[in-house]
Every structure is written in C-alpha cells, then in structure tokens.
C-alpha cells in the first residue's frame, strides 16, 4: 500500500517485478527501452505487411482446398460424385468420376441398393445431397456447360416438389426430377450452358431440395450460348469415330431393350452399328430450352434381309419416330430405304421443349422399332 493512502481503501494486489540486473541502471535503461521500442515497431510493421501480402493468398488456398482436395492446377473438366465419401468410378463410356468435398451444407444420403432405369451406370445415383447446399468447383478459365444428374429415389408424384438450383448466384432454375424423368427411379439430367468461373476461379452452385437428391455434377468445356453436340450409341460402350468424335454409351432411354444381331462375329466390324435398342422406347435427352438442333438418327437392319441370313424382307420391320410430339418418320422401313446398308436420317431445326428436352419416341407398327445411334448438333 502506497504511503498516504486512505485506510478505508481496499488493499491493492501486489505487483510482481523481475529482479533488475546491475547494468540496468537509470543511465542505460533509456537506451534499452528505445531499442526495445524500435524492435517492437519493426515487428508490428512486418506483421502488417505479411498479413496484407499473404492473407488473401492464404484465404484463397483454404477456399480452394475446401473445394477440392487435389493438388496442382485446377482442371478443365470435373465429374463429381455427390453425397457421402465414395470410391472413384469408371463409367461405361470409360470416363472417371471422383468424390471430393465440393459442397457444404445439406444432408448427405447413401442409397447403395437403389435400382435405376435409363442408365448403364446406376452407381452414379446411389448417393447424393439434399437440403440447402453450396458447392464450389475450381476450374481453369474458360467457358463450360454443367450437367446435373438425378434419379428420384422416393415415390413422389410429378410436379409436387421441384428441385431448385442456381449457378454463380444467377436466376433460380426449377427442375422436377419425376416429371422430367417420367417417373421415380429413372436417371435424368439437366444442362446449363455458357458458364464461366467467378473472380475466385470457381463455379458456384446453390442447390435446394427437400427430397430430391443431387447425385452427380459434370462440368465440361463448352461454348457460349449453345450446347456441346450430344452423340449416343445404343450400346454398352463408347467409341471414337474416324473424325475423332466421341460417342457416349447408351443413356437417357426408357423402355425397350438392347438388341442382339444374329452375326455376333461381325460386331467388331460394325462400328457404331454393332448394338441397337429395340422394342417400344423413347430417349429423353437434355437440351437448352427452345434451342434448335439438327437431329441425326442412325439405323441398320439387325435381323431381316439378305445380309442377315435372308430372314424376311421389305415390310418385315416398320415403325414410326416422333420428336416432342411431332412425327419425324412415318411407316419407316430400313430395308426399303437402304437395303442392308446403314441409313442416316437427318432433321433440321428441331426445337427443344420449354423445359429443355429433345424427346424421341420409337413406336412399332410391324415388329419392333430399332435405332443404333442418335446425334444432336446445336444450330445457330
């Protein structure tokens, strides 16, 4: 207690000091204090400089690390499996899908026993995320198109609980999984074109759905304002044609079955005509709403005619093909059009529906309808 202090004032806690060395006398203490002050000032200045210089980089590093655990430069395409941690998967087209923690929020759901129609790759749809989720996909600078993949696992009625998503904080897009797929347990997807990364070098996806799972996301190099051409084979594998164009394995189908040609030994020589889808079936292909496409359908008679053992002849297989409710081919007979040779039918200015679909229906008249490959080429 200091001398002269009031006796009624509470006692102050003792102040502990380090012992003073003999050299710290009054004459030297001022010099030491000045050097200590200079050192502290230098430390403060260095700290401020370091924070201003490196903090943004550290934040960017953390941001990118949270979006993708992979090291190195960002990719120019991503095939991401959503939901709980999953093993890498090579699909029927030979494309590899991987898991990374791209999304925050939402609820991760696993459905290992889910049976999915309309795809050769059910694994893509056996896990997903629902609720409110924000996803960050780091990519190289460029223009991309995004494919969101769904298969409704619950027994929902169409047009009751649409999923909602937005890209880079753009307008909300509603997508009714059951309505677009034609039922639950059927694979479907939607496409967004002309997407560029934001200033942080990433594409941002916000997803909201009470029930429907977002199963997988595909980000591919694209064009501004139009879709990348869609090339599908009605078979279990992909193909690179003579023009170096990549054809995907069968997908987007409903109904029918895979055909089987009598001459199995010739399959290796048939190229894109080695397999076919046969029966009563449809293809529901995602497209840009109201955009116009050139649609090409590829046919080869797999069973009837001289080349296939002389079974039947003209009129043995007759069928119709409609697109979005409009007839493209009426009473079409492959043998009558081209005999044993392949036939390619081309249709220009085919407009996608308001919800972004090119729906092709193959309707039997005599025996089953059949198709080998489908090509959609966006028009200006």
Protein backbone atom coordinates (compact mmCIF):
# COMPACT_ATOMS: atom_id res chain seq x y z
CA UNK A 1 0.00 0.00 0.00
CA UNK A 2 1.34 3.41 -1.01
CA UNK A 3 2.19 5.92 1.74
CA UNK A 4 -0.60 8.39 2.46
CA UNK A 5 -3.38 6.22 1.05
CA UNK A 6 -6.71 6.18 2.91
CA UNK A 7 -7.03 3.34 5.36
CA UNK A 8 -10.58 2.66 4.15
CA UNK A 9 -9.43 1.93 0.52
CA UNK A 10 -9.16 -1.80 -0.25
CA UNK A 11 -5.70 -3.22 -0.41
CA UNK A 12 -4.25 -3.39 -3.96
CA UNK A 13 -2.93 -6.73 -5.20
CA UNK A 14 0.84 -6.97 -5.08
CA UNK A 15 2.75 -6.14 -8.27
CA UNK A 16 5.47 -8.64 -9.08
CA UNK A 17 8.54 -7.43 -10.97
CA UNK A 18 11.58 -9.24 -12.25
CA UNK A 19 14.84 -8.54 -10.42
CA UNK A 20 16.82 -5.72 -12.02
CA UNK A 21 20.32 -6.60 -13.14
CA UNK A 22 23.10 -4.22 -12.07
CA UNK A 23 23.69 -2.97 -15.63
CA UNK A 24 20.07 -1.79 -15.91
CA UNK A 25 20.74 1.43 -14.15
CA UNK A 26 18.93 4.65 -14.86
CA UNK A 27 21.53 5.74 -17.44
CA UNK A 28 21.26 2.57 -19.54
CA UNK A 29 17.55 1.88 -19.10
CA UNK A 30 16.52 4.66 -21.50
CA UNK A 31 18.74 3.31 -24.27
CA UNK A 32 17.44 -0.23 -23.77
CA UNK A 33 13.83 0.96 -23.82
CA UNK A 34 14.44 2.83 -27.07
CA UNK A 35 15.93 -0.26 -28.75
CA UNK A 36 13.04 -2.39 -27.49
CA UNK A 37 10.57 0.16 -28.89
CA UNK A 38 12.32 0.14 -32.28
CA UNK A 39 12.27 -3.66 -32.34
CA UNK A 40 8.57 -3.78 -31.46
CA UNK A 41 7.76 -1.21 -34.16
CA UNK A 42 9.66 -3.28 -36.74
CA UNK A 43 7.79 -6.43 -35.69
CA UNK A 44 4.43 -4.64 -35.97
CA UNK A 45 5.30 -3.25 -39.43
CA UNK A 46 6.46 -6.67 -40.64
CA UNK A 47 3.29 -8.32 -39.32
CA UNK A 48 1.05 -5.79 -41.09
CA UNK A 49 2.99 -6.25 -44.35
CA UNK A 50 2.81 -10.04 -44.10
CA UNK A 51 -0.92 -10.03 -43.45
CA UNK A 52 -1.65 -7.65 -46.30
CA UNK A 53 0.57 -9.61 -48.69
CA UNK A 54 -0.17 -13.20 -47.80
CA UNK A 55 -3.58 -13.30 -46.13
CA UNK A 56 -5.53 -13.14 -49.43
CA UNK A 57 -3.36 -15.95 -50.78
CA UNK A 58 -3.91 -17.99 -47.62
CA UNK A 59 -7.65 -17.41 -47.85
CA UNK A 60 -7.64 -18.44 -51.50
CA UNK A 61 -5.64 -21.56 -50.63
CA UNK A 62 -8.09 -22.51 -47.89
CA UNK A 63 -11.01 -21.76 -50.22
CA UNK A 64 -9.62 -24.00 -52.96
CA UNK A 65 -8.59 -26.72 -50.55
CA UNK A 66 -12.13 -26.83 -49.18
CA UNK A 67 -13.50 -27.09 -52.69
CA UNK A 68 -11.13 -29.79 -53.91
CA UNK A 69 -8.51 -31.79 -52.08
CA UNK A 70 -6.48 -32.39 -55.20
CA UNK A 71 -3.21 -30.54 -55.55
CA UNK A 72 -1.90 -28.79 -58.66
CA UNK A 73 -3.65 -26.52 -61.13
CA UNK A 74 -7.46 -26.63 -61.38
CA UNK A 75 -8.91 -28.99 -64.00
CA UNK A 76 -10.70 -28.07 -67.23
CA UNK A 77 -13.41 -30.65 -66.53
CA UNK A 78 -14.94 -32.25 -63.43
CA UNK A 79 -17.07 -35.35 -62.92
CA UNK A 80 -18.09 -35.23 -59.28
CA UNK A 81 -19.96 -37.79 -57.19
CA UNK A 82 -22.17 -36.12 -54.60
CA UNK A 83 -23.11 -37.33 -51.14
CA UNK A 84 -21.08 -39.39 -48.71
CA UNK A 85 -17.49 -40.33 -49.43
CA UNK A 86 -17.39 -42.61 -52.46
CA UNK A 87 -14.83 -44.58 -54.42
CA UNK A 88 -13.76 -43.38 -57.90
CA UNK A 89 -15.92 -44.89 -60.61
CA UNK A 90 -15.19 -45.56 -64.29
CA UNK A 91 -18.47 -45.48 -66.20
CA UNK A 92 -19.45 -47.47 -69.30
CA UNK A 93 -18.05 -44.72 -71.52
CA UNK A 94 -14.64 -45.03 -69.83
CA UNK A 95 -14.99 -41.68 -68.03
CA UNK A 96 -13.81 -41.46 -64.42
CA UNK A 97 -15.97 -39.93 -61.69
CA UNK A 98 -14.41 -38.98 -58.37
CA UNK A 99 -15.51 -37.84 -54.94
CA UNK A 100 -14.38 -34.57 -53.37
CA UNK A 101 -15.89 -32.35 -50.73
CA UNK A 102 -17.13 -29.74 -53.17
CA UNK A 103 -20.29 -28.96 -51.19
CA UNK A 104 -21.05 -27.51 -47.79
CA UNK A 105 -24.40 -27.79 -46.04
CA UNK A 106 -27.24 -30.07 -46.98
CA UNK A 107 -27.65 -33.68 -45.92
CA UNK A 108 -25.63 -36.49 -47.46
CA UNK A 109 -27.66 -39.58 -48.28
CA UNK A 110 -26.47 -43.04 -49.33
CA UNK A 111 -28.71 -45.48 -51.25
CA UNK A 112 -26.46 -48.44 -52.10
CA UNK A 113 -29.33 -50.70 -53.21
CA UNK A 114 -31.17 -48.20 -55.40
CA UNK A 115 -32.19 -49.68 -58.75
CA UNK A 116 -32.09 -47.09 -61.53
CA UNK A 117 -33.52 -47.34 -65.02
CA UNK A 118 -32.44 -45.36 -68.06
CA UNK A 119 -28.71 -45.72 -67.44
CA UNK A 120 -25.87 -48.21 -67.72
CA UNK A 121 -24.24 -46.61 -64.63
CA UNK A 122 -26.52 -46.98 -61.62
CA UNK A 123 -23.62 -46.28 -59.22
CA UNK A 124 -23.75 -42.58 -60.10
CA UNK A 125 -27.20 -42.34 -58.49
CA UNK A 126 -26.66 -44.38 -55.30
CA UNK A 127 -25.67 -41.39 -53.17
CA UNK A 128 -26.39 -37.68 -53.18
CA UNK A 129 -27.03 -34.46 -51.30
CA UNK A 130 -30.33 -32.75 -50.50
CA UNK A 131 -31.47 -29.80 -48.38
CA UNK A 132 -29.64 -26.50 -48.80
CA UNK A 133 -26.12 -26.93 -50.16
CA UNK A 134 -23.50 -24.64 -51.66
CA UNK A 135 -20.93 -26.23 -53.96
CA UNK A 136 -17.65 -24.76 -55.20
CA UNK A 137 -15.92 -26.24 -58.27
CA UNK A 138 -12.45 -24.79 -59.03
CA UNK A 139 -11.76 -24.79 -62.79
CA UNK A 140 -9.45 -23.20 -65.32
CA UNK A 141 -10.52 -20.02 -67.05
CA UNK A 142 -12.88 -20.72 -69.92
CA UNK A 143 -16.49 -21.42 -70.87
CA UNK A 144 -18.25 -24.50 -69.53
CA UNK A 145 -21.50 -26.39 -69.57
CA UNK A 146 -22.83 -28.07 -66.43
CA UNK A 147 -24.81 -31.31 -66.28
CA UNK A 148 -26.72 -32.05 -63.06
CA UNK A 149 -27.67 -35.72 -62.69
CA UNK A 150 -30.68 -37.03 -60.76
CA UNK A 151 -32.72 -40.18 -60.16
CA UNK A 152 -35.66 -39.77 -57.79
CA UNK A 153 -35.41 -42.39 -55.04
CA UNK A 154 -38.75 -41.72 -53.33
CA UNK A 155 -42.27 -42.33 -54.55
CA UNK A 156 -43.21 -38.77 -55.45
CA UNK A 157 -45.89 -37.50 -57.77
CA UNK A 158 -44.77 -35.35 -60.68
CA UNK A 159 -44.81 -31.56 -60.28
CA UNK A 160 -45.02 -31.66 -56.49
CA UNK A 161 -41.53 -30.97 -55.13
CA UNK A 162 -39.18 -29.50 -57.73
CA UNK A 163 -35.51 -29.09 -57.02
CA UNK A 164 -34.17 -25.55 -57.31
CA UNK A 165 -30.64 -24.52 -58.16
CA UNK A 166 -28.68 -21.52 -59.36
CA UNK A 167 -25.23 -21.11 -60.90
CA UNK A 168 -22.92 -18.27 -59.86
CA UNK A 169 -25.77 -16.57 -57.97
CA UNK A 170 -27.80 -16.35 -61.18
CA UNK A 171 -31.57 -16.82 -61.55
CA UNK A 172 -33.15 -19.80 -59.83
CA UNK A 173 -33.84 -22.80 -62.06
CA UNK A 174 -36.55 -25.28 -61.08
CA UNK A 175 -36.26 -28.91 -62.13
CA UNK A 176 -38.88 -31.52 -61.33
CA UNK A 177 -36.97 -34.80 -61.31
CA UNK A 178 -40.02 -37.09 -61.51
CA UNK A 179 -41.71 -35.08 -64.24
CA UNK A 180 -38.62 -34.83 -66.46
CA UNK A 181 -37.59 -38.46 -65.99
CA UNK A 182 -41.10 -39.81 -66.44
CA UNK A 183 -41.22 -41.49 -63.03
CA UNK A 184 -39.17 -42.29 -59.96
CA UNK A 185 -36.08 -44.49 -60.15
CA UNK A 186 -35.24 -43.23 -63.67
CA UNK A 187 -31.99 -41.42 -64.44
CA UNK A 188 -32.29 -37.92 -65.85
CA UNK A 189 -30.26 -34.73 -66.06
CA UNK A 190 -30.41 -31.07 -66.98
CA UNK A 191 -27.84 -28.87 -68.67
CA UNK A 192 -26.72 -25.25 -68.20
CA UNK A 193 -24.53 -23.75 -70.93
CA UNK A 194 -22.25 -20.72 -71.27
CA UNK A 195 -20.95 -20.79 -67.67
CA UNK A 196 -17.69 -19.02 -66.76
CA UNK A 197 -15.91 -19.13 -63.38
CA UNK A 198 -16.26 -16.22 -60.98
CA UNK A 199 -13.37 -13.99 -59.87
CA UNK A 200 -12.18 -16.62 -57.39
CA UNK A 201 -11.59 -19.09 -60.24
CA UNK A 202 -14.53 -21.34 -59.33
CA UNK A 203 -18.04 -22.18 -60.48
CA UNK A 204 -20.56 -21.85 -57.65
CA UNK A 205 -23.69 -23.98 -57.43
CA UNK A 206 -26.50 -23.43 -54.93
CA UNK A 207 -28.92 -26.33 -54.55
CA UNK A 208 -32.21 -26.54 -52.63
CA UNK A 209 -34.49 -29.57 -52.37
CA UNK A 210 -36.47 -31.09 -49.53
CA UNK A 211 -36.47 -34.58 -51.01
CA UNK A 212 -34.75 -34.98 -54.38
CA UNK A 213 -31.05 -35.81 -54.30
CA UNK A 214 -28.43 -34.19 -56.48
CA UNK A 215 -26.43 -37.31 -57.37
CA UNK A 216 -23.61 -36.11 -59.59
CA UNK A 217 -22.31 -32.99 -61.33
CA UNK A 218 -20.45 -32.88 -64.62
CA UNK A 219 -18.58 -29.74 -65.72
CA UNK A 220 -17.31 -29.85 -69.31
CA UNK A 221 -15.59 -27.39 -71.65
CA UNK A 222 -18.36 -25.74 -73.64
CA UNK A 223 -19.43 -22.87 -75.83
CA UNK A 224 -21.07 -19.54 -75.17
CA UNK A 225 -24.79 -19.76 -75.85
CA UNK A 226 -25.09 -23.29 -77.23
CA UNK A 227 -24.68 -26.87 -76.15
CA UNK A 228 -21.86 -29.28 -76.91
CA UNK A 229 -23.07 -31.85 -79.50
CA UNK A 230 -24.67 -34.96 -77.99
CA UNK A 231 -23.63 -38.30 -79.52
CA UNK A 232 -25.14 -41.52 -78.13
CA UNK A 233 -24.64 -45.17 -79.04
CA UNK A 234 -27.40 -47.66 -78.22
CA UNK A 235 -24.81 -49.96 -76.70
CA UNK A 236 -22.75 -50.66 -73.57
CA UNK A 237 -19.54 -48.89 -74.56
CA UNK A 238 -18.25 -45.62 -76.03
CA UNK A 239 -16.48 -45.11 -79.33
CA UNK A 240 -14.14 -42.66 -81.07
CA UNK A 241 -15.14 -42.43 -84.73
CA UNK A 242 -12.97 -41.75 -87.75
CA UNK A 243 -13.49 -37.99 -87.30
CA UNK A 244 -12.18 -38.18 -83.69
CA UNK A 245 -15.70 -37.55 -82.38
CA UNK A 246 -16.52 -39.20 -79.06
CA UNK A 247 -19.74 -41.19 -78.79
CA UNK A 248 -21.13 -41.95 -75.33
CA UNK A 249 -22.58 -45.27 -74.21
CA UNK A 250 -26.35 -45.71 -74.01
CA UNK A 251 -28.30 -43.35 -71.68
CA UNK A 252 -31.48 -41.23 -71.40
CA UNK A 253 -33.57 -44.22 -72.57
CA UNK A 254 -36.83 -45.60 -71.24
CA UNK A 255 -38.33 -48.89 -72.38
CA UNK A 256 -37.09 -51.31 -75.00
CA UNK A 257 -34.02 -53.50 -74.58
CA UNK A 258 -30.61 -53.97 -76.10
CA UNK A 259 -30.85 -55.90 -79.36
CA UNK A 260 -28.73 -58.83 -80.43
CA UNK A 261 -27.61 -59.24 -84.01
CA UNK A 262 -27.50 -62.80 -85.43
CA UNK A 263 -23.90 -62.48 -86.66
CA UNK A 264 -22.06 -61.90 -83.39
CA UNK A 265 -18.73 -62.48 -85.16
CA UNK A 266 -19.31 -59.33 -87.23
CA UNK A 267 -19.76 -56.99 -84.24
CA UNK A 268 -16.16 -55.81 -84.31
CA UNK A 269 -16.59 -54.69 -87.94
CA UNK A 270 -19.91 -52.95 -87.49
CA UNK A 271 -18.59 -49.98 -85.50
CA UNK A 272 -21.42 -47.75 -84.29
CA UNK A 273 -23.95 -50.24 -85.74
CA UNK A 274 -22.76 -53.14 -83.59
CA UNK A 275 -25.53 -52.63 -80.99
CA UNK A 276 -29.06 -51.27 -81.03
CA UNK A 277 -32.05 -50.54 -78.82
CA UNK A 278 -35.14 -52.43 -79.88
CA UNK A 279 -38.82 -52.51 -78.89
CA UNK A 280 -41.13 -49.63 -77.94
CA UNK A 281 -38.95 -46.99 -76.30
CA UNK A 282 -38.05 -43.35 -76.05
CA UNK A 283 -34.98 -41.18 -75.46
CA UNK A 284 -35.40 -38.09 -73.26
CA UNK A 285 -32.26 -36.06 -73.96
CA UNK A 286 -31.45 -32.85 -72.02
CA UNK A 287 -31.13 -29.74 -74.17
CA UNK A 288 -31.26 -25.96 -73.96
CA UNK A 289 -34.87 -24.71 -73.72
CA UNK A 290 -36.23 -23.55 -77.11
CA UNK A 291 -32.82 -24.05 -78.79
CA UNK A 292 -32.79 -25.60 -82.26
CA UNK A 293 -30.88 -28.74 -83.16
CA UNK A 294 -30.04 -30.89 -86.12
CA UNK A 295 -31.11 -34.41 -85.14
CA UNK A 296 -29.49 -37.40 -86.83
CA UNK A 297 -30.77 -40.94 -86.38
CA UNK A 298 -28.60 -43.91 -87.38
CA UNK A 299 -30.17 -47.22 -88.44
CA UNK A 300 -29.05 -50.60 -89.68
CA UNK A 301 -31.43 -53.56 -90.02
CA UNK A 302 -30.08 -56.08 -87.48
CA UNK A 303 -32.23 -59.12 -88.27
CA UNK A 304 -34.17 -59.17 -91.52
CA UNK A 305 -32.86 -59.17 -95.09
CA UNK A 306 -30.28 -61.00 -97.19
CA UNK A 307 -27.28 -59.80 -95.18
CA UNK A 308 -28.78 -61.28 -92.01
CA UNK A 309 -29.49 -64.78 -93.36
CA UNK A 310 -32.36 -63.98 -95.69
CA UNK A 311 -35.00 -63.88 -92.96
CA UNK A 312 -37.95 -61.73 -94.05
CA UNK A 313 -37.70 -58.81 -96.45
CA UNK A 314 -39.32 -55.48 -97.21
CA UNK A 315 -42.07 -54.68 -94.75
CA UNK A 316 -40.71 -57.02 -92.06
CA UNK A 317 -39.95 -54.09 -89.76
CA UNK A 318 -41.97 -50.89 -89.92
CA UNK A 319 -42.12 -48.19 -87.24
CA UNK A 320 -42.71 -44.50 -86.54
CA UNK A 321 -40.41 -41.95 -84.89
CA UNK A 322 -41.77 -38.82 -83.19
CA UNK A 323 -39.92 -35.92 -81.57
CA UNK A 324 -41.56 -33.75 -78.89
CA UNK A 325 -44.94 -34.90 -80.17
CA UNK A 326 -44.25 -34.22 -83.88
CA UNK A 327 -43.88 -37.09 -86.35
CA UNK A 328 -40.41 -37.36 -87.92
CA UNK A 329 -40.73 -40.74 -89.64
CA UNK A 330 -44.00 -42.44 -90.60
CA UNK A 331 -44.04 -46.15 -91.53
CA UNK A 332 -40.27 -46.19 -91.74
CA UNK A 333 -38.73 -49.37 -93.23
CA UNK A 334 -34.92 -49.61 -93.03
CA UNK A 335 -34.71 -52.32 -95.72
CA UNK A 336 -36.86 -50.29 -98.12
CA UNK A 337 -34.68 -47.19 -97.57
CA UNK A 338 -31.23 -48.73 -97.73
CA UNK A 339 -31.36 -52.48 -98.00
CA UNK A 340 -28.62 -54.00 -95.90
CA UNK A 341 -26.65 -50.73 -95.80
CA UNK A 342 -26.89 -48.29 -92.87
CA UNK A 343 -29.39 -45.46 -93.18
CA UNK A 344 -28.90 -41.99 -91.63
CA UNK A 345 -31.95 -39.72 -91.37
CA UNK A 346 -31.28 -36.01 -90.73
CA UNK A 347 -33.80 -33.48 -89.42
CA UNK A 348 -33.04 -29.75 -89.22
CA UNK A 349 -34.42 -27.03 -86.97
CA UNK A 350 -35.77 -29.36 -84.29
CA UNK A 351 -36.70 -27.17 -81.33
CA UNK A 352 -36.19 -28.29 -77.74
CA UNK A 353 -39.16 -28.05 -75.42
CA UNK A 354 -39.70 -25.24 -72.91
CA UNK A 355 -38.25 -27.41 -70.15
CA UNK A 356 -35.18 -28.26 -72.22
CA UNK A 357 -35.81 -31.72 -73.70
CA UNK A 358 -35.46 -33.49 -77.03
CA UNK A 359 -37.78 -36.47 -76.58
CA UNK A 360 -37.61 -39.10 -79.30
CA UNK A 361 -40.30 -41.81 -79.30
CA UNK A 362 -39.87 -45.02 -81.32
CA UNK A 363 -43.24 -46.64 -81.99
CA UNK A 364 -43.63 -50.15 -83.54
CA UNK A 365 -46.02 -50.72 -86.46
CA UNK A 366 -44.77 -54.12 -87.72
CA UNK A 367 -42.35 -55.87 -85.38
CA UNK A 368 -40.16 -53.76 -83.11
CA UNK A 369 -38.70 -50.31 -83.66
CA UNK A 370 -34.89 -50.08 -83.61
CA UNK A 371 -32.11 -47.47 -83.55
CA UNK A 372 -28.30 -47.70 -83.41
CA UNK A 373 -27.19 -44.17 -82.57
CA UNK A 374 -28.52 -40.65 -82.01
CA UNK A 375 -26.77 -37.34 -82.64
CA UNK A 376 -27.87 -33.83 -81.61
CA UNK A 377 -25.94 -30.92 -83.13
CA UNK A 378 -26.88 -27.41 -81.95
CA UNK A 379 -27.77 -24.99 -84.72
CA UNK A 380 -27.18 -21.23 -84.75
